[in-house]
């Protein structure tokens, strides 16, 4: 069963509200909501993600912004922050692209630069 067919908004939100839920299940519910949830929930999760990224990885800085306003990071910088190799980071991103059928890598010239 594909991720898209695994959840609906009500079940995903219930998982997020549950206080003792397994972290993998919680992450899957968040991922589903970010990909397929209503715009209002997606926006809330994206904003929360930005705050969490800043809090957990204070040295990680966006290199630019995608046309839709999402922060873009260097794969090398992401890998360093996660204490993994750049190749591991690229593979993780490629796996997500394949699973979601969504392009996550953005060419640098397609971003709005941070000044």
C-alpha atoms as a PDB file:
ATOM      1  CA  UNK A   1       0.000   0.000   0.000  1.00  0.00           C
ATOM      2  CA  UNK A   2       1.347   3.433  -0.936  1.00  0.00           C
ATOM      3  CA  UNK A   3       1.769   6.144   1.692  1.00  0.00           C
ATOM      4  CA  UNK A   4      -0.910   8.270   0.013  1.00  0.00           C
ATOM      5  CA  UNK A   5      -3.494   5.544   0.599  1.00  0.00           C
ATOM      6  CA  UNK A   6      -2.354   4.739   4.148  1.00  0.00           C
ATOM      7  CA  UNK A   7      -3.865   7.730   5.913  1.00  0.00           C
ATOM      8  CA  UNK A   8      -6.627  10.294   5.955  1.00  0.00           C
ATOM      9  CA  UNK A   9      -6.585  13.675   7.683  1.00  0.00           C
ATOM     10  CA  UNK A  10      -8.509  12.481  10.726  1.00  0.00           C
ATOM     11  CA  UNK A  11      -6.286   9.464  11.439  1.00  0.00           C
ATOM     12  CA  UNK A  12      -3.060  11.421  10.853  1.00  0.00           C
ATOM     13  CA  UNK A  13      -4.138  14.234  13.183  1.00  0.00           C
ATOM     14  CA  UNK A  14      -5.184  11.701  15.853  1.00  0.00           C
ATOM     15  CA  UNK A  15      -1.679  10.222  15.758  1.00  0.00           C
ATOM     16  CA  UNK A  16      -0.130  13.682  16.154  1.00  0.00           C
ATOM     17  CA  UNK A  17      -2.290  14.362  19.207  1.00  0.00           C
ATOM     18  CA  UNK A  18      -1.543  11.022  20.897  1.00  0.00           C
ATOM     19  CA  UNK A  19       0.906  11.507  23.774  1.00  0.00           C
ATOM     20  CA  UNK A  20       2.591   8.090  23.700  1.00  0.00           C
ATOM     21  CA  UNK A  21       2.663   7.259  19.998  1.00  0.00           C
ATOM     22  CA  UNK A  22       5.660   5.517  18.428  1.00  0.00           C
ATOM     23  CA  UNK A  23       8.020   8.065  16.860  1.00  0.00           C
ATOM     24  CA  UNK A  24       8.093   6.286  13.486  1.00  0.00           C
ATOM     25  CA  UNK A  25       4.297   6.278  13.293  1.00  0.00           C
ATOM     26  CA  UNK A  26       4.216   9.950  14.299  1.00  0.00           C
ATOM     27  CA  UNK A  27       6.794  10.821  11.622  1.00  0.00           C
ATOM     28  CA  UNK A  28       4.804   8.921   8.981  1.00  0.00           C
ATOM     29  CA  UNK A  29       1.643  10.828   9.926  1.00  0.00           C
ATOM     30  CA  UNK A  30       3.498  14.156   9.681  1.00  0.00           C
ATOM     31  CA  UNK A  31       4.992  13.153   6.337  1.00  0.00           C
ATOM     32  CA  UNK A  32       1.533  12.231   5.008  1.00  0.00           C
ATOM     33  CA  UNK A  33       0.054  15.534   6.184  1.00  0.00           C
ATOM     34  CA  UNK A  34       2.923  17.516   4.632  1.00  0.00           C
ATOM     35  CA  UNK A  35       2.414  15.735   1.310  1.00  0.00           C
ATOM     36  CA  UNK A  36      -1.352  15.251   1.128  1.00  0.00           C
ATOM     37  CA  UNK A  37      -2.960  17.206   3.955  1.00  0.00           C
ATOM     38  CA  UNK A  38      -4.991  20.384   3.620  1.00  0.00           C
ATOM     39  CA  UNK A  39      -3.085  23.591   2.925  1.00  0.00           C
ATOM     40  CA  UNK A  40      -3.765  24.994   6.411  1.00  0.00           C
ATOM     41  CA  UNK A  41      -2.173  21.986   8.126  1.00  0.00           C
ATOM     42  CA  UNK A  42       0.692  21.839   5.630  1.00  0.00           C
ATOM     43  CA  UNK A  43       1.506  25.511   6.279  1.00  0.00           C
ATOM     44  CA  UNK A  44       1.420  24.979  10.045  1.00  0.00           C
ATOM     45  CA  UNK A  45       3.739  21.955   9.776  1.00  0.00           C
ATOM     46  CA  UNK A  46       6.158  23.759   7.441  1.00  0.00           C
ATOM     47  CA  UNK A  47       6.377  26.689   9.853  1.00  0.00           C
ATOM     48  CA  UNK A  48       6.905  24.305  12.768  1.00  0.00           C
ATOM     49  CA  UNK A  49       9.561  22.465  10.787  1.00  0.00           C
ATOM     50  CA  UNK A  50      11.422  25.711  10.213  1.00  0.00           C
ATOM     51  CA  UNK A  51      11.377  26.523  13.920  1.00  0.00           C
ATOM     52  CA  UNK A  52      12.499  22.998  14.839  1.00  0.00           C
ATOM     53  CA  UNK A  53      15.307  23.094  12.277  1.00  0.00           C
ATOM     54  CA  UNK A  54      16.570  26.386  13.699  1.00  0.00           C
ATOM     55  CA  UNK A  55      16.342  25.100  17.290  1.00  0.00           C
ATOM     56  CA  UNK A  56      17.967  21.709  16.645  1.00  0.00           C
ATOM     57  CA  UNK A  57      20.526  22.821  14.055  1.00  0.00           C
ATOM     58  CA  UNK A  58      21.334  26.462  14.871  1.00  0.00           C
ATOM     59  CA  UNK A  59      24.383  26.491  12.588  1.00  0.00           C
ATOM     60  CA  UNK A  60      22.441  25.230   9.550  1.00  0.00           C
ATOM     61  CA  UNK A  61      21.559  28.120   7.260  1.00  0.00           C
ATOM     62  CA  UNK A  62      19.410  28.160   4.153  1.00  0.00           C
ATOM     63  CA  UNK A  63      21.392  28.885   1.001  1.00  0.00           C
ATOM     64  CA  UNK A  64      18.306  30.198  -0.761  1.00  0.00           C
ATOM     65  CA  UNK A  65      14.565  29.800  -1.115  1.00  0.00           C
ATOM     66  CA  UNK A  66      12.520  27.830  -3.619  1.00  0.00           C
ATOM     67  CA  UNK A  67       9.947  29.672  -5.727  1.00  0.00           C
ATOM     68  CA  UNK A  68       7.267  28.465  -3.267  1.00  0.00           C
ATOM     69  CA  UNK A  69       9.155  30.032  -0.344  1.00  0.00           C
ATOM     70  CA  UNK A  70      10.594  26.864   1.192  1.00  0.00           C
ATOM     71  CA  UNK A  71      14.128  27.075   2.529  1.00  0.00           C
ATOM     72  CA  UNK A  72      16.825  25.334   0.454  1.00  0.00           C
ATOM     73  CA  UNK A  73      19.910  23.866   2.072  1.00  0.00           C
ATOM     74  CA  UNK A  74      23.205  22.563   0.748  1.00  0.00           C
ATOM     75  CA  UNK A  75      23.343  18.759   0.849  1.00  0.00           C
ATOM     76  CA  UNK A  76      26.851  19.035   2.302  1.00  0.00           C
ATOM     77  CA  UNK A  77      25.592  21.297   5.094  1.00  0.00           C
ATOM     78  CA  UNK A  78      22.656  18.967   5.823  1.00  0.00           C
ATOM     79  CA  UNK A  79      24.966  15.956   5.965  1.00  0.00           C
ATOM     80  CA  UNK A  80      27.349  17.733   8.315  1.00  0.00           C
ATOM     81  CA  UNK A  81      24.475  18.716  10.625  1.00  0.00           C
ATOM     82  CA  UNK A  82      23.227  15.116  10.687  1.00  0.00           C
ATOM     83  CA  UNK A  83      26.712  13.640  11.106  1.00  0.00           C
ATOM     84  CA  UNK A  84      26.398  11.560   7.945  1.00  0.00           C
ATOM     85  CA  UNK A  85      28.209  11.625   4.633  1.00  0.00           C
ATOM     86  CA  UNK A  86      26.976  13.823   1.805  1.00  0.00           C
ATOM     87  CA  UNK A  87      26.413  10.644  -0.232  1.00  0.00           C
ATOM     88  CA  UNK A  88      24.177   9.220   2.516  1.00  0.00           C
ATOM     89  CA  UNK A  89      22.203  12.462   2.577  1.00  0.00           C
ATOM     90  CA  UNK A  90      21.784  12.413  -1.217  1.00  0.00           C
ATOM     91  CA  UNK A  91      20.597   8.800  -1.080  1.00  0.00           C
ATOM     92  CA  UNK A  92      18.048   9.607   1.628  1.00  0.00           C
ATOM     93  CA  UNK A  93      16.691  12.469  -0.451  1.00  0.00           C
ATOM     94  CA  UNK A  94      16.600  10.315  -3.596  1.00  0.00           C
ATOM     95  CA  UNK A  95      14.652   7.638  -1.698  1.00  0.00           C
ATOM     96  CA  UNK A  96      12.095  10.240  -0.606  1.00  0.00           C
ATOM     97  CA  UNK A  97      11.825  11.519  -4.184  1.00  0.00           C
ATOM     98  CA  UNK A  98      11.185   8.017  -5.459  1.00  0.00           C
ATOM     99  CA  UNK A  99       8.681   7.170  -2.720  1.00  0.00           C
ATOM    100  CA  UNK A 100       6.734  10.424  -3.042  1.00  0.00           C
ATOM    101  CA  UNK A 101       7.209  10.986  -6.762  1.00  0.00           C
ATOM    102  CA  UNK A 102       8.166  14.564  -5.866  1.00  0.00           C
ATOM    103  CA  UNK A 103      11.368  16.341  -6.850  1.00  0.00           C
ATOM    104  CA  UNK A 104      13.248  17.563  -3.747  1.00  0.00           C
ATOM    105  CA  UNK A 105      16.567  18.626  -5.287  1.00  0.00           C
ATOM    106  CA  UNK A 106      16.445  22.191  -6.586  1.00  0.00           C
ATOM    107  CA  UNK A 107      19.102  23.642  -8.870  1.00  0.00           C
ATOM    108  CA  UNK A 108      20.861  26.536  -7.211  1.00  0.00           C
ATOM    109  CA  UNK A 109      20.066  28.877 -10.115  1.00  0.00           C
ATOM    110  CA  UNK A 110      16.337  28.195  -9.500  1.00  0.00           C
ATOM    111  CA  UNK A 111      16.482  29.554  -5.953  1.00  0.00           C
ATOM    112  CA  UNK A 112      16.157  33.023  -4.555  1.00  0.00           C
ATOM    113  CA  UNK A 113      19.502  33.714  -2.879  1.00  0.00           C
ATOM    114  CA  UNK A 114      19.950  34.658   0.755  1.00  0.00           C
ATOM    115  CA  UNK A 115      21.803  37.936   1.029  1.00  0.00           C
END
